[in-house]
Amino acid sequence: MVPLTLLEQLGAPVSHMVTVRAHIGDGVYRASVYQVDLIVNNQTRLPGVDVVSDDWGDEIIIGRNVLNKLRLFLNGPDQFTNMVD
C-alpha cells in the first residue's frame, strides 16, 4: 500500500481497480492499483510492481509480493531488518 498523495506526486498511472480488505478496521473498499518501479536501499530495482493506493494513511506498507523478491535478514528480538547482498 502506498499513500495516494505520493502516487499522485509521482504521476503514476492507474492500472485497474480492486476490492481490498482494510488493514485497519473492518470492511472492504474499492482501491486503485498503480504500477510503479521500486528502488529499495538505493541498490535494488524492482520494475513494474503493482501497488494499491491508500487514501487515508501516510505509510508505505510492503507486502509479500515485494518482500519475496528481496534477500532480507530479520532480527525480531532486536527489531531490525537488514538487506543481504
C-alpha atoms as a PDB file:
ATOM      1  CA  MET A   1       0.000   0.000   0.000  1.00  0.00           C
ATOM      2  CA  VAL A   2       1.261   3.434  -0.944  1.00  0.00           C
ATOM      3  CA  PRO A   3      -0.267   6.781   0.089  1.00  0.00           C
ATOM      4  CA  LEU A   4      -2.370   8.184  -2.727  1.00  0.00           C
ATOM      5  CA  THR A   5      -0.721  11.594  -2.333  1.00  0.00           C
ATOM      6  CA  LEU A   6       2.685  10.068  -3.146  1.00  0.00           C
ATOM      7  CA  LEU A   7       1.348   8.185  -6.174  1.00  0.00           C
ATOM      8  CA  GLU A   8      -0.213  11.409  -7.458  1.00  0.00           C
ATOM      9  CA  GLN A   9       3.064  13.323  -6.948  1.00  0.00           C
ATOM     10  CA  LEU A  10       4.863  10.668  -8.994  1.00  0.00           C
ATOM     11  CA  GLY A  11       2.249  10.813 -11.743  1.00  0.00           C
ATOM     12  CA  ALA A  12       1.851   7.042 -11.585  1.00  0.00           C
ATOM     13  CA  PRO A  13      -0.841   5.709 -13.934  1.00  0.00           C
ATOM     14  CA  VAL A  14      -3.814   3.724 -12.626  1.00  0.00           C
ATOM     15  CA  SER A  15      -3.662   0.143 -13.859  1.00  0.00           C
ATOM     16  CA  HIS A  16      -7.027  -1.151 -12.626  1.00  0.00           C
ATOM     17  CA  MET A  17      -9.411  -1.216  -9.651  1.00  0.00           C
ATOM     18  CA  VAL A  18      -9.640  -3.916  -6.973  1.00  0.00           C
ATOM     19  CA  THR A  19     -11.626  -4.661  -3.846  1.00  0.00           C
ATOM     20  CA  VAL A  20      -9.403  -4.894  -0.771  1.00  0.00           C
ATOM     21  CA  ARG A  21      -9.947  -5.721   2.866  1.00  0.00           C
ATOM     22  CA  ALA A  22      -8.928  -2.895   5.176  1.00  0.00           C
ATOM     23  CA  HIS A  23      -5.715  -3.477   7.117  1.00  0.00           C
ATOM     24  CA  ILE A  24      -7.027  -1.235   9.874  1.00  0.00           C
ATOM     25  CA  GLY A  25     -10.602  -1.727  10.983  1.00  0.00           C
ATOM     26  CA  ASP A  26     -13.290  -3.795   9.351  1.00  0.00           C
ATOM     27  CA  GLY A  27     -14.797  -3.938   5.931  1.00  0.00           C
ATOM     28  CA  VAL A  28     -13.777  -3.831   2.316  1.00  0.00           C
ATOM     29  CA  TYR A  29     -13.382  -0.966  -0.115  1.00  0.00           C
ATOM     30  CA  ARG A  30     -12.508  -0.241  -3.740  1.00  0.00           C
ATOM     31  CA  ALA A  31      -8.966   0.936  -4.416  1.00  0.00           C
ATOM     32  CA  SER A  32      -6.887   1.854  -7.431  1.00  0.00           C
ATOM     33  CA  VAL A  33      -3.902  -0.270  -8.403  1.00  0.00           C
ATOM     34  CA  TYR A  34      -0.861   1.512  -9.807  1.00  0.00           C
ATOM     35  CA  GLN A  35       2.162   0.003 -11.491  1.00  0.00           C
ATOM     36  CA  VAL A  36       5.413   1.541 -10.255  1.00  0.00           C
ATOM     37  CA  ASP A  37       9.121   0.808 -10.211  1.00  0.00           C
ATOM     38  CA  LEU A  38      10.501   0.451  -6.681  1.00  0.00           C
ATOM     39  CA  ILE A  39      14.087   1.148  -5.689  1.00  0.00           C
ATOM     40  CA  VAL A  40      14.992  -0.437  -2.362  1.00  0.00           C
ATOM     41  CA  ASN A  41      18.011   0.699  -0.345  1.00  0.00           C
ATOM     42  CA  ASN A  42      19.336   2.672  -3.355  1.00  0.00           C
ATOM     43  CA  GLN A  43      20.536  -0.567  -4.944  1.00  0.00           C
ATOM     44  CA  THR A  44      17.764  -2.982  -5.845  1.00  0.00           C
ATOM     45  CA  ARG A  45      15.339  -2.004  -8.616  1.00  0.00           C
ATOM     46  CA  LEU A  46      12.028  -3.825  -8.847  1.00  0.00           C
ATOM     47  CA  PRO A  47      10.260  -2.806 -12.075  1.00  0.00           C
ATOM     48  CA  GLY A  48       6.518  -2.930 -12.645  1.00  0.00           C
ATOM     49  CA  VAL A  49       5.289  -3.646  -9.122  1.00  0.00           C
ATOM     50  CA  ASP A  50       1.529  -3.418  -8.556  1.00  0.00           C
ATOM     51  CA  VAL A  51       0.718  -1.253  -5.525  1.00  0.00           C
ATOM     52  CA  VAL A  52      -2.638  -0.370  -4.005  1.00  0.00           C
ATOM     53  CA  SER A  53      -3.408   3.246  -3.196  1.00  0.00           C
ATOM     54  CA  ASP A  54      -4.076   4.204   0.406  1.00  0.00           C
ATOM     55  CA  ASP A  55      -6.390   7.216   0.637  1.00  0.00           C
ATOM     56  CA  TRP A  56      -6.021   7.646   4.412  1.00  0.00           C
ATOM     57  CA  GLY A  57      -2.588   6.562   5.595  1.00  0.00           C
ATOM     58  CA  ASP A  58       0.840   8.130   5.245  1.00  0.00           C
ATOM     59  CA  GLU A  59       2.975   4.973   5.425  1.00  0.00           C
ATOM     60  CA  ILE A  60       4.159   2.602   2.732  1.00  0.00           C
ATOM     61  CA  ILE A  61       3.249  -0.982   3.615  1.00  0.00           C
ATOM     62  CA  ILE A  62       5.318  -3.544   1.749  1.00  0.00           C
ATOM     63  CA  GLY A  63       3.634  -6.865   1.053  1.00  0.00           C
ATOM     64  CA  ARG A  64       4.919 -10.331   0.311  1.00  0.00           C
ATOM     65  CA  ASN A  65       4.828  -9.573  -3.417  1.00  0.00           C
ATOM     66  CA  VAL A  66       7.838  -7.284  -2.789  1.00  0.00           C
ATOM     67  CA  LEU A  67       9.451  -8.974   0.229  1.00  0.00           C
ATOM     68  CA  ASN A  68       9.705 -12.280  -1.653  1.00  0.00           C
ATOM     69  CA  LYS A  69      11.990 -10.584  -4.208  1.00  0.00           C
ATOM     70  CA  LEU A  70      14.500  -9.366  -1.608  1.00  0.00           C
ATOM     71  CA  ARG A  71      17.187 -11.100   0.425  1.00  0.00           C
ATOM     72  CA  LEU A  72      16.459  -9.941   3.965  1.00  0.00           C
ATOM     73  CA  PHE A  73      17.771 -10.728   7.409  1.00  0.00           C
ATOM     74  CA  LEU A  74      15.035 -10.260  10.026  1.00  0.00           C
ATOM     75  CA  ASN A  75      16.093  -9.931  13.648  1.00  0.00           C
ATOM     76  CA  GLY A  76      12.808  -9.861  15.534  1.00  0.00           C
ATOM     77  CA  PRO A  77      14.168  -9.719  19.106  1.00  0.00           C
ATOM     78  CA  ASP A  78      16.368  -6.712  18.273  1.00  0.00           C
ATOM     79  CA  GLN A  79      13.684  -5.224  15.986  1.00  0.00           C
ATOM     80  CA  PHE A  80      15.725  -4.571  12.873  1.00  0.00           C
ATOM     81  CA  THR A  81      15.843  -5.745   9.275  1.00  0.00           C
ATOM     82  CA  ASN A  82      18.888  -5.787   7.044  1.00  0.00           C
ATOM     83  CA  MET A  83      19.233  -6.371   3.304  1.00  0.00           C
ATOM     84  CA  VAL A  84      21.697  -9.129   2.412  1.00  0.00           C
ATOM     85  CA  ASP A  85      23.993  -8.623  -0.590  1.00  0.00           C
END
